[in-house]
N, C-alpha and C. Protein backbone atom coordinates (compact mmCIF):
# COMPACT_ATOMS: atom_id res chain seq x y z
N MET A 1 -11.56 -10.93 17.85
CA MET A 1 -13.00 -11.01 18.02
C MET A 1 -13.68 -10.43 16.78
N LYS A 2 -14.69 -11.10 16.32
CA LYS A 2 -15.42 -10.64 15.14
C LYS A 2 -16.83 -10.27 15.54
N THR A 3 -17.34 -9.25 14.89
CA THR A 3 -18.72 -8.83 15.06
C THR A 3 -19.43 -9.03 13.74
N GLN A 4 -20.63 -9.53 13.83
CA GLN A 4 -21.41 -9.75 12.63
C GLN A 4 -22.61 -8.82 12.64
N PHE A 5 -22.92 -8.25 11.48
CA PHE A 5 -24.13 -7.45 11.37
C PHE A 5 -24.77 -7.73 10.03
N MET A 6 -26.03 -7.41 9.94
CA MET A 6 -26.80 -7.71 8.75
C MET A 6 -27.22 -6.41 8.07
N VAL A 7 -27.11 -6.41 6.76
CA VAL A 7 -27.58 -5.29 5.95
C VAL A 7 -28.56 -5.86 4.95
N ASN A 8 -29.73 -5.29 4.88
CA ASN A 8 -30.76 -5.76 3.97
C ASN A 8 -30.68 -5.04 2.63
N PHE A 9 -30.71 -5.83 1.56
CA PHE A 9 -30.74 -5.31 0.20
C PHE A 9 -31.86 -6.00 -0.55
N PRO A 10 -32.45 -5.33 -1.52
CA PRO A 10 -33.46 -6.00 -2.34
C PRO A 10 -32.82 -7.19 -3.07
N ALA A 11 -33.51 -8.30 -3.18
CA ALA A 11 -32.99 -9.49 -3.86
C ALA A 11 -32.60 -9.17 -5.30
N GLU A 12 -33.31 -8.24 -5.89
CA GLU A 12 -33.02 -7.88 -7.29
C GLU A 12 -31.62 -7.30 -7.47
N LEU A 13 -31.08 -6.72 -6.41
CA LEU A 13 -29.75 -6.12 -6.52
C LEU A 13 -28.70 -7.19 -6.80
N ALA A 14 -28.70 -8.25 -6.02
CA ALA A 14 -27.75 -9.34 -6.25
C ALA A 14 -28.01 -10.01 -7.60
N SER A 15 -29.26 -10.31 -7.88
CA SER A 15 -29.56 -11.00 -9.14
C SER A 15 -29.26 -10.10 -10.33
N GLY A 16 -29.47 -8.80 -10.18
CA GLY A 16 -29.15 -7.86 -11.25
C GLY A 16 -27.66 -7.81 -11.55
N LEU A 17 -26.86 -8.10 -10.54
CA LEU A 17 -25.40 -8.16 -10.72
C LEU A 17 -24.94 -9.57 -11.06
N ARG A 18 -25.91 -10.47 -11.24
CA ARG A 18 -25.63 -11.87 -11.58
C ARG A 18 -24.75 -12.54 -10.51
N MET A 19 -25.12 -12.32 -9.26
CA MET A 19 -24.39 -12.89 -8.13
C MET A 19 -25.34 -13.68 -7.25
N GLN A 20 -24.80 -14.72 -6.65
CA GLN A 20 -25.53 -15.43 -5.60
C GLN A 20 -25.49 -14.56 -4.35
N GLU A 21 -26.38 -14.81 -3.40
CA GLU A 21 -26.45 -13.98 -2.19
C GLU A 21 -25.14 -13.93 -1.43
N GLN A 22 -24.48 -15.07 -1.23
CA GLN A 22 -23.22 -15.10 -0.49
C GLN A 22 -22.12 -14.34 -1.23
N GLU A 23 -22.08 -14.51 -2.54
CA GLU A 23 -21.10 -13.80 -3.37
C GLU A 23 -21.33 -12.29 -3.28
N PHE A 24 -22.59 -11.88 -3.30
CA PHE A 24 -22.95 -10.47 -3.18
C PHE A 24 -22.54 -9.93 -1.82
N ALA A 25 -22.78 -10.70 -0.75
CA ALA A 25 -22.40 -10.27 0.60
C ALA A 25 -20.89 -10.07 0.70
N GLU A 26 -20.12 -10.98 0.14
CA GLU A 26 -18.66 -10.85 0.16
C GLU A 26 -18.20 -9.64 -0.64
N GLU A 27 -18.85 -9.39 -1.76
CA GLU A 27 -18.51 -8.23 -2.58
C GLU A 27 -18.80 -6.93 -1.83
N MET A 28 -19.92 -6.87 -1.13
CA MET A 28 -20.26 -5.67 -0.36
C MET A 28 -19.25 -5.45 0.77
N LYS A 29 -18.82 -6.51 1.42
CA LYS A 29 -17.81 -6.41 2.47
C LYS A 29 -16.51 -5.86 1.89
N LYS A 30 -16.10 -6.44 0.76
CA LYS A 30 -14.87 -6.00 0.11
C LYS A 30 -14.95 -4.53 -0.29
N LEU A 31 -16.07 -4.15 -0.89
CA LEU A 31 -16.25 -2.76 -1.32
C LEU A 31 -16.22 -1.79 -0.14
N ALA A 32 -16.84 -2.17 0.96
CA ALA A 32 -16.85 -1.32 2.15
C ALA A 32 -15.44 -1.13 2.68
N LEU A 33 -14.67 -2.21 2.75
CA LEU A 33 -13.30 -2.11 3.25
C LEU A 33 -12.41 -1.31 2.32
N VAL A 34 -12.59 -1.47 1.01
CA VAL A 34 -11.83 -0.68 0.04
C VAL A 34 -12.14 0.80 0.22
N LYS A 35 -13.42 1.13 0.37
CA LYS A 35 -13.81 2.54 0.51
C LYS A 35 -13.30 3.12 1.83
N LEU A 36 -13.39 2.36 2.92
CA LEU A 36 -12.86 2.83 4.20
C LEU A 36 -11.37 3.09 4.11
N PHE A 37 -10.64 2.22 3.41
CA PHE A 37 -9.22 2.42 3.19
C PHE A 37 -8.98 3.68 2.37
N GLU A 38 -9.74 3.81 1.28
CA GLU A 38 -9.58 4.97 0.38
C GLU A 38 -9.82 6.28 1.12
N LEU A 39 -10.75 6.28 2.06
CA LEU A 39 -11.05 7.49 2.85
C LEU A 39 -10.06 7.71 3.99
N GLY A 40 -9.13 6.77 4.16
CA GLY A 40 -8.14 6.92 5.22
C GLY A 40 -8.66 6.54 6.59
N LYS A 41 -9.76 5.82 6.65
CA LYS A 41 -10.37 5.43 7.93
C LYS A 41 -9.73 4.19 8.52
N ILE A 42 -9.19 3.30 7.66
CA ILE A 42 -8.54 2.07 8.13
C ILE A 42 -7.26 1.86 7.33
N SER A 43 -6.36 1.07 7.88
CA SER A 43 -5.11 0.74 7.19
C SER A 43 -5.31 -0.46 6.28
N SER A 44 -4.35 -0.67 5.41
CA SER A 44 -4.40 -1.84 4.54
C SER A 44 -4.30 -3.12 5.36
N GLY A 45 -3.55 -3.08 6.45
CA GLY A 45 -3.43 -4.26 7.31
C GLY A 45 -4.74 -4.66 7.94
N ILE A 46 -5.48 -3.68 8.43
CA ILE A 46 -6.80 -3.96 9.03
C ILE A 46 -7.76 -4.50 7.97
N ALA A 47 -7.77 -3.88 6.80
CA ALA A 47 -8.66 -4.33 5.73
C ALA A 47 -8.30 -5.75 5.30
N ALA A 48 -7.02 -6.03 5.13
CA ALA A 48 -6.58 -7.36 4.73
C ALA A 48 -6.97 -8.40 5.76
N LYS A 49 -6.79 -8.07 7.03
CA LYS A 49 -7.15 -9.01 8.10
C LYS A 49 -8.65 -9.30 8.08
N ALA A 50 -9.46 -8.26 7.86
CA ALA A 50 -10.91 -8.44 7.81
C ALA A 50 -11.33 -9.34 6.65
N LEU A 51 -10.55 -9.31 5.58
CA LEU A 51 -10.85 -10.13 4.40
C LEU A 51 -10.13 -11.48 4.43
N ASN A 52 -9.32 -11.70 5.48
CA ASN A 52 -8.53 -12.94 5.60
C ASN A 52 -7.59 -13.14 4.42
N ILE A 53 -6.94 -12.04 4.01
CA ILE A 53 -5.95 -12.10 2.94
C ILE A 53 -4.71 -11.33 3.38
N SER A 54 -3.63 -11.44 2.63
CA SER A 54 -2.41 -10.70 2.94
C SER A 54 -2.55 -9.25 2.49
N ARG A 55 -1.68 -8.39 3.01
CA ARG A 55 -1.69 -6.99 2.57
C ARG A 55 -1.41 -6.91 1.07
N ILE A 56 -0.48 -7.73 0.58
CA ILE A 56 -0.17 -7.74 -0.85
C ILE A 56 -1.41 -8.09 -1.66
N ASP A 57 -2.16 -9.08 -1.21
CA ASP A 57 -3.41 -9.44 -1.90
C ASP A 57 -4.42 -8.30 -1.82
N PHE A 58 -4.44 -7.58 -0.67
CA PHE A 58 -5.35 -6.44 -0.57
C PHE A 58 -4.95 -5.35 -1.57
N PHE A 59 -3.65 -5.16 -1.78
CA PHE A 59 -3.21 -4.18 -2.79
C PHE A 59 -3.71 -4.58 -4.17
N ASP A 60 -3.76 -5.88 -4.46
CA ASP A 60 -4.34 -6.35 -5.73
C ASP A 60 -5.83 -6.03 -5.80
N VAL A 61 -6.54 -6.18 -4.68
CA VAL A 61 -7.96 -5.82 -4.63
C VAL A 61 -8.12 -4.33 -4.92
N LEU A 62 -7.29 -3.50 -4.28
CA LEU A 62 -7.35 -2.06 -4.52
C LEU A 62 -7.15 -1.75 -6.00
N ALA A 63 -6.15 -2.38 -6.60
CA ALA A 63 -5.87 -2.14 -8.02
C ALA A 63 -7.06 -2.53 -8.89
N SER A 64 -7.73 -3.63 -8.53
CA SER A 64 -8.87 -4.07 -9.33
C SER A 64 -10.02 -3.07 -9.27
N TYR A 65 -10.07 -2.25 -8.22
CA TYR A 65 -11.10 -1.21 -8.09
C TYR A 65 -10.57 0.17 -8.45
N GLY A 66 -9.33 0.24 -8.92
CA GLY A 66 -8.76 1.53 -9.32
C GLY A 66 -8.46 2.45 -8.17
N VAL A 67 -8.18 1.89 -6.98
CA VAL A 67 -7.88 2.68 -5.79
C VAL A 67 -6.37 2.69 -5.57
N ASP A 68 -5.83 3.87 -5.30
CA ASP A 68 -4.40 4.04 -5.09
C ASP A 68 -3.96 3.42 -3.78
N MET A 69 -3.04 2.46 -3.84
CA MET A 69 -2.57 1.80 -2.62
C MET A 69 -1.72 2.70 -1.76
N PHE A 70 -1.25 3.80 -2.29
CA PHE A 70 -0.36 4.68 -1.54
C PHE A 70 -1.09 5.55 -0.52
N ASN A 71 -2.40 5.39 -0.39
CA ASN A 71 -3.13 6.05 0.69
C ASN A 71 -2.57 5.62 2.04
N ASP A 72 -1.97 4.44 2.08
CA ASP A 72 -1.52 3.83 3.33
C ASP A 72 -0.12 4.28 3.73
N ILE A 73 0.55 4.99 2.85
CA ILE A 73 1.92 5.39 3.14
C ILE A 73 1.95 6.88 3.45
N ASP A 74 2.38 7.22 4.64
CA ASP A 74 2.42 8.62 5.04
C ASP A 74 3.73 9.27 4.61
N ALA A 75 3.81 10.57 4.75
CA ALA A 75 4.98 11.35 4.31
C ALA A 75 6.26 10.90 5.01
N GLU A 76 6.18 10.58 6.30
CA GLU A 76 7.37 10.15 7.04
C GLU A 76 7.91 8.83 6.48
N THR A 77 7.04 7.92 6.16
CA THR A 77 7.46 6.64 5.58
C THR A 77 8.15 6.87 4.25
N LEU A 78 7.58 7.73 3.41
CA LEU A 78 8.19 8.03 2.12
C LEU A 78 9.56 8.66 2.29
N LYS A 79 9.69 9.56 3.25
CA LYS A 79 10.97 10.21 3.52
C LYS A 79 12.01 9.16 3.93
N GLN A 80 11.65 8.25 4.79
CA GLN A 80 12.57 7.19 5.24
C GLN A 80 12.96 6.30 4.07
N GLU A 81 12.01 5.97 3.22
CA GLU A 81 12.32 5.11 2.08
C GLU A 81 13.24 5.79 1.08
N ARG A 82 13.10 7.09 0.91
CA ARG A 82 13.99 7.83 0.01
C ARG A 82 15.43 7.78 0.51
N HIS A 83 15.62 7.89 1.82
CA HIS A 83 16.95 7.88 2.40
C HIS A 83 17.59 6.51 2.40
N HIS A 84 16.76 5.46 2.41
CA HIS A 84 17.29 4.10 2.44
C HIS A 84 17.28 3.43 1.07
N GLY A 85 16.66 4.06 0.12
CA GLY A 85 16.49 3.43 -1.20
C GLY A 85 17.45 3.93 -2.15
């Protein structure tokens, strides 16, 4: 199930970034999901699903914004990977 909500921005903001309104809306969605991930509020899987992309593609999005993808990996996961790697 999807929920839609509206956020109002001055038209100059999109045009100042040289974006069309729809492109600007998608960018704001992406930025919000990246920040929520960075703050540890959502997982990469949830963010990827919201953007209709794979987790691997979401990791590429994170890299493009300079966000560490390892926020999603907890200490227990790292410990398990060390023992199996």
